[in-house]
Amino acid sequence: MQGTADTLQIPEEVSKVLERLAIRLKDAGIDIKELALSLIPSGGQSPVQLLALAARSGDGQVPLASFGRGSQQIAMVTLATAEVHDAPIAVIDEIESGLEPYRQRAMVALVRGLVASDGQAFMTTHSPAVLARLGKGEAWVLRRHEEHSIGPIRGELERLMHLDPEALLSRLPIVCEGATEVGLVDFMLETLGGADPSAFGIHLIDAGGHDHALELLEALAGDGYHTCGLVDNERFSSGKRAALATAPLIRLYMAPGGRCLECAVANAIPLNAMEALTELPGTAGPFLKVVDRLQAISTRLGKQSRASLPDLVASFGEGRVRDAVGEAATTGEWFKSLDAGRQLGEFAHTNLESNHEFLTTFRDLVTWAMERVRSAHPEH
């Protein structure tokens, strides 16, 4: 078979095509030196069916069909369109198949170059890397409601697609006001739900602020997504929060007992646990200076000191000190990160009775979310 392959006489015009294809494959990231037509042994096939493309080097040859799955995917797209002119149409199912994220992005660029300005490409994907690479108007989503429909991703969701593309591929996006909320909800889902939430298609979105969280919730529900949100109970935007709370596709939560998550924890935990709250590493890590936190608490009480919490309670009363601790904890040095949010969730879970309103609120969130993703017939 090898001897016969070595004696194949390839017409000159075919050789030129092979040279052009080899250059295109190299440009696409396929590591080959020379492309050749060769006879590839395979049981049960006729000799005509044995002719195939192979990468040839001084050490021998490897059929393109024996390359890795990702390289095959790139080769398939390159070869399928390499000799097509005018206005090619490419249809590619799961373009990311077998490719690392950086090669998925390269594949999108490759397809754009192949179809140029006159062609069209229709691709399906479940890849965040591919979604994030698509431009304005290029991403469309198949929606499964009573009637199936397909339409473009626009507006706020298109911006979300570039910032956090996995959100649009999840079964249940949960919009969290910030990193602290993401960390706390992640902890509660694992602890109260008994499972890794991401394994069930739950994705936590860091909205980066109150107003943006509300906009995302509105956009997701408006596009037919069932979604859940955890936001602060701020004095502003109360009307919009009330409207979203009654929307049929939205489940909206706010930590009870304070205007924000940190304030709710400070008002919920027993007084004897308050000092331990100020000693949580949070974002400060091993460089935490508790005295600086005590200074911040005192400042919110209108006093410049580093007095201990018992002394502050004796001077200002328990209620005012709890409020001051909560407000001080909203600063970036305390809990404004995912890991610090998990610390805050673990602290609340450890120091509160299981029937406390704070924990029952999050237990309800977890129960609803897990029931939603375990449903046999998701609506989106």
Protein backbone atom coordinates (compact mmCIF):
# COMPACT_ATOMS: atom_id res chain seq x y z
CA MET A 1 0.00 0.00 0.00
CA GLN A 2 2.79 2.42 0.90
CA GLY A 3 4.67 1.59 -2.25
CA THR A 4 1.61 2.23 -4.35
CA ALA A 5 1.00 5.52 -2.54
CA ASP A 6 4.56 6.65 -3.24
CA THR A 7 4.10 6.05 -6.98
CA LEU A 8 0.88 8.06 -7.29
CA GLN A 9 1.15 10.55 -10.14
CA ILE A 10 -0.75 13.68 -9.16
CA PRO A 11 -1.76 16.02 -12.02
CA GLU A 12 -0.04 19.41 -11.93
CA GLU A 13 -3.27 21.39 -11.37
CA VAL A 14 -4.10 19.11 -8.41
CA SER A 15 -0.64 19.64 -6.97
CA LYS A 16 -1.17 23.41 -7.14
CA VAL A 17 -4.47 23.05 -5.32
CA LEU A 18 -2.75 20.95 -2.65
CA GLU A 19 -0.08 23.63 -2.23
CA ARG A 20 -2.75 26.31 -1.80
CA LEU A 21 -4.65 24.15 0.68
CA ALA A 22 -1.47 23.50 2.66
CA ILE A 23 -0.88 27.25 2.98
CA ARG A 24 -4.50 27.80 4.10
CA LEU A 25 -4.21 25.03 6.69
CA LYS A 26 -0.95 26.47 8.03
CA ASP A 27 -2.54 29.93 8.27
CA ALA A 28 -5.42 28.33 10.19
CA GLY A 29 -3.01 26.86 12.74
CA ILE A 30 -2.67 23.28 11.48
CA ASP A 31 0.95 22.18 11.90
CA ILE A 32 1.85 20.54 8.58
CA LYS A 33 4.79 20.79 6.20
CA GLU A 34 3.24 19.34 3.05
CA LEU A 35 -0.24 18.21 2.03
CA ALA A 36 -0.57 15.16 -0.17
CA LEU A 37 -3.11 12.77 -1.61
CA SER A 38 -2.35 9.29 -0.38
CA LEU A 39 -3.79 5.80 -0.11
CA ILE A 40 -4.89 5.23 3.47
CA PRO A 41 -5.45 1.59 4.53
CA SER A 42 -8.84 0.90 6.05
CA GLY A 43 -10.60 -2.43 6.29
CA GLY A 44 -13.70 -3.08 4.22
CA GLN A 45 -13.26 -0.20 1.75
CA SER A 46 -12.73 -0.33 -1.97
CA PRO A 47 -9.44 1.05 -3.35
CA VAL A 48 -11.26 4.15 -4.67
CA GLN A 49 -12.39 5.00 -1.13
CA LEU A 50 -8.84 4.78 0.20
CA LEU A 51 -7.67 8.03 -1.41
CA ALA A 52 -7.42 10.72 1.27
CA LEU A 53 -5.57 13.86 2.31
CA ALA A 54 -2.51 13.37 4.49
CA ALA A 55 0.13 15.56 6.11
CA ARG A 56 3.51 14.43 4.85
CA SER A 57 6.93 14.92 6.40
CA GLY A 58 10.33 13.26 6.31
CA ASP A 59 9.13 10.78 8.94
CA GLY A 60 6.11 9.63 6.98
CA GLN A 61 2.52 10.75 6.69
CA VAL A 62 -0.52 11.19 8.91
CA PRO A 63 -4.06 11.26 7.46
CA LEU A 64 -5.96 14.43 8.32
CA ALA A 65 -8.74 12.14 9.51
CA SER A 66 -6.37 10.92 12.25
CA PHE A 67 -5.67 14.40 13.60
CA GLY A 68 -7.20 15.50 16.88
CA ARG A 69 -10.85 16.44 16.91
CA GLY A 70 -10.15 20.16 17.10
CA SER A 71 -7.64 20.10 14.26
CA GLN A 72 -10.13 18.10 12.19
CA GLN A 73 -12.73 20.79 12.85
CA ILE A 74 -10.39 23.55 11.68
CA ALA A 75 -9.30 21.52 8.66
CA MET A 76 -12.90 20.75 7.73
CA VAL A 77 -13.92 24.41 7.66
CA THR A 78 -10.75 25.47 5.85
CA LEU A 79 -10.99 22.76 3.19
CA ALA A 80 -14.72 23.14 2.70
CA THR A 81 -14.42 26.81 1.77
CA ALA A 82 -10.88 27.10 0.44
CA GLU A 83 -11.78 26.66 -3.24
CA VAL A 84 -15.17 28.37 -3.04
CA HIS A 85 -15.47 31.82 -4.57
CA ASP A 86 -18.05 34.57 -4.96
CA ALA A 87 -20.50 34.28 -2.01
CA PRO A 88 -19.87 31.11 0.00
CA ILE A 89 -22.32 29.85 2.61
CA ALA A 90 -20.83 27.94 5.55
CA VAL A 91 -22.99 25.90 7.95
CA ILE A 92 -21.06 24.68 11.00
CA ASP A 93 -22.57 22.75 13.89
CA GLU A 94 -20.89 23.35 17.28
CA ILE A 95 -17.96 25.29 15.92
CA GLU A 96 -16.09 24.92 19.23
CA SER A 97 -15.95 21.11 19.01
CA GLY A 98 -12.61 19.80 20.29
CA LEU A 99 -10.97 23.23 20.47
CA GLU A 100 -9.38 25.11 23.36
CA PRO A 101 -10.91 28.56 24.05
CA TYR A 102 -8.14 30.44 22.22
CA ARG A 103 -8.57 28.20 19.16
CA GLN A 104 -12.33 28.69 19.33
CA ARG A 105 -11.77 32.43 19.03
CA ALA A 106 -9.33 31.82 16.19
CA MET A 107 -11.95 29.64 14.49
CA VAL A 108 -14.48 32.49 14.53
CA ALA A 109 -11.87 34.77 12.95
CA LEU A 110 -11.09 32.05 10.39
CA VAL A 111 -14.73 31.72 9.37
CA ARG A 112 -15.05 35.49 9.06
CA GLY A 113 -12.06 35.54 6.75
CA LEU A 114 -13.36 32.64 4.67
CA VAL A 115 -16.82 34.06 4.01
CA ALA A 116 -15.46 37.64 3.75
CA SER A 117 -18.01 40.37 3.01
CA ASP A 118 -20.15 38.57 0.44
CA GLY A 119 -20.64 35.18 2.11
CA GLN A 120 -22.59 33.99 5.11
CA ALA A 121 -21.85 31.67 8.00
CA PHE A 122 -24.43 29.89 10.13
CA MET A 123 -22.93 28.42 13.29
CA THR A 124 -24.31 26.77 16.40
CA THR A 125 -22.41 26.99 19.68
CA HIS A 126 -22.55 26.33 23.40
CA SER A 127 -19.23 28.07 23.99
CA PRO A 128 -18.77 31.26 26.05
CA ALA A 129 -15.52 31.94 24.14
CA VAL A 130 -17.34 31.87 20.80
CA LEU A 131 -20.23 34.02 22.07
CA ALA A 132 -17.86 36.65 23.44
CA ARG A 133 -16.20 36.88 20.01
CA LEU A 134 -19.38 37.65 18.09
CA GLY A 135 -20.13 41.18 16.99
CA LYS A 136 -23.23 43.32 17.04
CA GLY A 137 -26.23 41.49 15.59
CA GLU A 138 -24.30 38.27 14.99
CA ALA A 139 -25.62 36.24 17.95
CA TRP A 140 -29.11 34.78 17.77
CA VAL A 141 -30.77 32.54 20.31
CA LEU A 142 -33.27 29.71 19.94
CA ARG A 143 -36.07 30.20 22.44
CA ARG A 144 -38.27 27.33 23.57
CA HIS A 145 -41.67 28.53 24.70
CA GLU A 146 -45.09 27.34 23.60
CA GLU A 147 -43.83 28.00 20.08
CA HIS A 148 -40.16 27.84 19.17
CA SER A 149 -38.64 31.05 17.91
CA ILE A 150 -35.24 32.42 17.01
CA GLY A 151 -34.14 36.02 17.28
CA PRO A 152 -31.10 38.24 17.81
CA ILE A 153 -29.53 39.05 21.17
CA ARG A 154 -29.75 42.80 21.61
CA GLY A 155 -29.33 45.67 24.03
CA GLU A 156 -28.45 44.87 27.62
CA LEU A 157 -28.16 41.14 26.88
CA GLU A 158 -25.72 41.77 24.06
CA ARG A 159 -23.53 43.71 26.51
CA LEU A 160 -23.88 40.85 28.98
CA MET A 161 -22.85 38.42 26.24
CA HIS A 162 -19.45 40.11 25.99
CA LEU A 163 -18.93 40.62 29.73
CA ASP A 164 -20.26 37.28 30.99
CA PRO A 165 -21.27 35.07 28.03
CA GLU A 166 -21.88 31.96 30.14
CA ALA A 167 -24.90 33.70 31.65
CA LEU A 168 -26.77 33.30 28.35
CA LEU A 169 -25.85 29.60 28.13
CA SER A 170 -27.04 28.71 31.62
CA ARG A 171 -30.35 27.18 32.64
CA LEU A 172 -30.85 29.72 35.40
CA PRO A 173 -28.98 33.05 35.52
CA ILE A 174 -29.03 34.60 38.99
CA VAL A 175 -28.30 38.32 39.00
CA CYS A 176 -26.37 39.47 42.06
CA GLU A 177 -25.81 43.13 42.83
CA GLY A 178 -22.06 42.69 43.38
CA ALA A 179 -19.19 40.34 44.15
CA THR A 180 -20.19 40.02 47.82
CA GLU A 181 -23.64 38.77 46.84
CA VAL A 182 -22.16 36.34 44.31
CA GLY A 183 -19.91 34.81 46.97
CA LEU A 184 -22.66 34.57 49.58
CA VAL A 185 -25.22 33.03 47.20
CA ASP A 186 -22.59 30.58 45.93
CA PHE A 187 -21.93 29.46 49.51
CA MET A 188 -25.64 29.15 50.31
CA LEU A 189 -26.32 27.13 47.17
CA GLU A 190 -23.54 24.69 48.01
CA THR A 191 -24.37 24.47 51.72
CA LEU A 192 -28.16 24.56 51.71
CA GLY A 193 -28.58 22.95 48.30
CA GLY A 194 -25.93 20.30 48.86
CA ALA A 195 -24.44 20.58 45.37
CA ASP A 196 -22.20 22.62 43.12
CA PRO A 197 -24.69 25.05 41.54
CA SER A 198 -22.77 25.29 38.27
CA ALA A 199 -23.22 21.56 37.71
CA PHE A 200 -26.97 22.17 37.42
CA GLY A 201 -26.72 25.10 35.03
CA ILE A 202 -26.99 27.87 37.64
CA HIS A 203 -24.82 30.85 36.80
CA LEU A 204 -24.21 33.78 39.16
CA ILE A 205 -23.82 37.19 37.51
CA ASP A 206 -21.92 40.03 39.17
CA ALA A 207 -23.96 43.02 37.97
CA GLY A 208 -21.51 45.51 39.43
CA GLY A 209 -24.15 47.72 41.01
CA HIS A 210 -27.79 48.12 42.02
CA ASP A 211 -29.18 49.86 38.94
CA HIS A 212 -27.38 47.54 36.53
CA ALA A 213 -28.70 44.50 38.41
CA LEU A 214 -32.26 45.74 37.93
CA GLU A 215 -31.61 46.42 34.24
CA LEU A 216 -30.25 42.90 33.74
CA LEU A 217 -33.22 41.32 35.49
CA GLU A 218 -35.60 43.31 33.33
CA ALA A 219 -33.72 42.43 30.13
CA LEU A 220 -33.50 38.70 30.92
CA ALA A 221 -37.19 38.45 31.77
CA GLY A 222 -38.08 40.51 28.73
CA ASP A 223 -36.26 38.01 26.56
CA GLY A 224 -38.06 35.05 28.12
CA TYR A 225 -35.48 33.89 30.65
CA HIS A 226 -36.60 32.68 34.06
CA THR A 227 -34.23 34.46 36.40
CA CYS A 228 -33.56 35.26 40.03
CA GLY A 229 -32.04 38.32 41.65
CA LEU A 230 -30.41 39.36 44.92
CA VAL A 231 -30.24 43.12 45.38
CA ASP A 232 -30.02 45.65 48.19
CA ASN A 233 -33.10 47.25 49.71
CA GLU A 234 -31.96 50.76 48.87
CA ARG A 235 -34.08 53.88 49.33
CA PHE A 236 -33.85 54.62 45.61
CA SER A 237 -35.36 52.49 42.79
CA SER A 238 -38.00 51.09 45.12
CA GLY A 239 -40.69 51.43 42.46
CA LYS A 240 -38.70 49.50 39.88
CA ARG A 241 -37.85 46.78 42.42
CA ALA A 242 -41.54 46.45 43.28
CA ALA A 243 -42.44 46.09 39.60
CA LEU A 244 -39.75 43.47 39.00
CA ALA A 245 -40.80 41.54 42.11
CA THR A 246 -44.24 40.96 40.54
CA ALA A 247 -42.93 40.00 37.08
CA PRO A 248 -43.86 36.35 36.29
CA LEU A 249 -40.35 35.29 35.19
CA ILE A 250 -38.44 36.98 38.02
CA ARG A 251 -37.82 35.86 41.59
CA LEU A 252 -36.44 38.85 43.50
CA TYR A 253 -34.75 38.63 46.90
CA MET A 254 -33.38 41.19 49.35
CA ALA A 255 -31.56 40.29 52.56
CA PRO A 256 -33.95 41.12 55.44
CA GLY A 257 -32.92 43.43 58.24
CA GLY A 258 -30.94 46.16 56.51
CA ARG A 259 -30.57 48.25 53.38
CA CYS A 260 -27.68 46.09 52.16
CA LEU A 261 -26.28 42.61 52.67
CA GLU A 262 -23.60 43.65 55.17
CA CYS A 263 -26.11 45.70 57.17
CA ALA A 264 -28.51 42.74 57.24
CA VAL A 265 -25.79 40.45 58.63
CA ALA A 266 -24.74 43.04 61.24
CA ASN A 267 -28.34 43.38 62.41
CA ALA A 268 -28.97 39.62 62.43
CA ILE A 269 -26.04 38.05 64.27
CA PRO A 270 -25.93 37.83 68.07
CA LEU A 271 -24.20 40.73 69.79
CA ASN A 272 -21.50 38.42 71.16
CA ALA A 273 -20.53 37.53 67.56
CA MET A 274 -20.05 41.13 66.47
CA GLU A 275 -16.35 41.27 67.34
CA ALA A 276 -15.75 38.06 65.37
CA LEU A 277 -17.41 39.72 62.36
CA THR A 278 -14.89 42.57 62.49
CA GLU A 279 -12.09 39.99 62.56
CA LEU A 280 -13.06 38.15 59.36
CA PRO A 281 -10.17 38.48 56.88
CA GLY A 282 -12.38 39.59 53.98
CA THR A 283 -10.43 41.28 51.20
CA ALA A 284 -7.68 42.38 53.64
CA GLY A 285 -6.44 38.80 54.04
CA PRO A 286 -3.47 38.29 56.37
CA PHE A 287 -2.84 42.05 56.53
CA LEU A 288 -6.09 42.80 58.35
CA LYS A 289 -5.90 45.55 60.97
CA VAL A 290 -8.94 45.28 63.20
CA VAL A 291 -8.13 48.65 64.77
CA ASP A 292 -8.73 50.33 61.42
CA ARG A 293 -12.15 48.72 61.26
CA LEU A 294 -12.95 49.90 64.76
CA GLN A 295 -11.88 53.38 63.66
CA ALA A 296 -14.27 53.17 60.69
CA ILE A 297 -17.12 52.08 62.98
CA SER A 298 -16.43 54.91 65.41
CA THR A 299 -16.33 57.43 62.56
CA ARG A 300 -19.85 56.42 61.52
CA LEU A 301 -20.93 57.06 65.08
CA GLY A 302 -19.43 60.54 64.94
CA LYS A 303 -16.48 59.73 67.17
CA GLN A 304 -12.78 59.59 66.30
CA SER A 305 -11.46 56.64 68.28
CA ARG A 306 -10.57 52.97 68.15
CA ALA A 307 -12.78 52.00 71.05
CA SER A 308 -13.80 48.37 71.41
CA LEU A 309 -17.29 47.27 70.39
CA PRO A 310 -18.45 46.74 74.01
CA ASP A 311 -17.36 50.30 74.84
CA LEU A 312 -19.17 51.63 71.76
CA VAL A 313 -22.33 49.74 72.68
CA ALA A 314 -22.14 51.19 76.19
CA SER A 315 -21.81 54.72 74.76
CA PHE A 316 -24.16 54.64 71.80
CA GLY A 317 -26.48 51.67 72.27
CA GLU A 318 -26.70 48.35 70.48
CA GLY A 319 -28.89 49.51 67.57
CA ARG A 320 -26.65 52.39 66.50
CA VAL A 321 -23.51 50.22 66.78
CA ARG A 322 -25.08 47.48 64.65
CA ASP A 323 -25.94 50.07 61.99
CA ALA A 324 -22.41 51.50 62.14
CA VAL A 325 -20.83 48.04 61.77
CA GLY A 326 -23.00 47.28 58.76
CA GLU A 327 -22.24 50.58 57.04
CA ALA A 328 -18.50 50.25 57.75
CA ALA A 329 -18.55 46.74 56.31
CA THR A 330 -19.79 48.07 52.95
CA THR A 331 -16.33 49.49 52.22
CA GLY A 332 -14.02 47.67 49.80
CA GLU A 333 -11.61 46.56 52.54
CA TRP A 334 -14.22 44.31 54.14
CA PHE A 335 -16.24 42.00 51.93
CA LYS A 336 -16.21 43.29 48.35
CA SER A 337 -14.99 40.10 46.66
CA LEU A 338 -16.31 36.66 45.84
CA ASP A 339 -14.21 34.88 48.48
CA ALA A 340 -15.08 37.47 51.12
CA GLY A 341 -18.76 37.06 50.26
CA ARG A 342 -18.43 33.35 50.89
CA GLN A 343 -16.82 34.15 54.26
CA LEU A 344 -19.78 36.37 55.11
CA GLY A 345 -22.23 33.63 54.14
CA GLU A 346 -20.41 31.03 56.20
CA PHE A 347 -20.29 33.40 59.17
CA ALA A 348 -24.03 34.03 59.01
CA HIS A 349 -24.78 30.33 58.58
CA THR A 350 -22.60 29.47 61.60
CA ASN A 351 -23.88 32.18 63.94
CA LEU A 352 -27.61 32.24 63.20
CA GLU A 353 -30.35 29.83 64.20
CA SER A 354 -31.64 27.81 61.26
CA ASN A 355 -35.08 29.43 61.54
CA HIS A 356 -33.74 33.00 61.50
CA GLU A 357 -35.37 35.15 58.81
CA PHE A 358 -32.00 35.84 57.17
CA LEU A 359 -31.31 32.13 56.60
CA THR A 360 -34.89 31.23 55.69
CA THR A 361 -34.75 33.89 52.96
CA PHE A 362 -31.72 32.28 51.40
CA ARG A 363 -33.11 28.80 51.96
CA ASP A 364 -36.12 29.84 49.90
CA LEU A 365 -33.83 31.19 47.17
CA VAL A 366 -31.87 27.95 47.09
CA THR A 367 -34.97 25.75 47.11
CA TRP A 368 -36.59 27.69 44.28
CA ALA A 369 -33.40 27.73 42.20
CA MET A 370 -32.70 24.01 42.56
CA GLU A 371 -36.32 23.11 41.77
CA ARG A 372 -36.13 25.32 38.70
CA VAL A 373 -33.01 23.70 37.22
CA ARG A 374 -34.07 20.18 38.15
CA SER A 375 -37.31 20.63 36.25
CA ALA A 376 -37.63 18.05 33.48
CA HIS A 377 -38.93 20.62 31.00
CA PRO A 378 -37.12 23.97 31.25
CA GLU A 379 -38.94 26.73 29.41
CA HIS A 380 -35.78 28.38 28.11
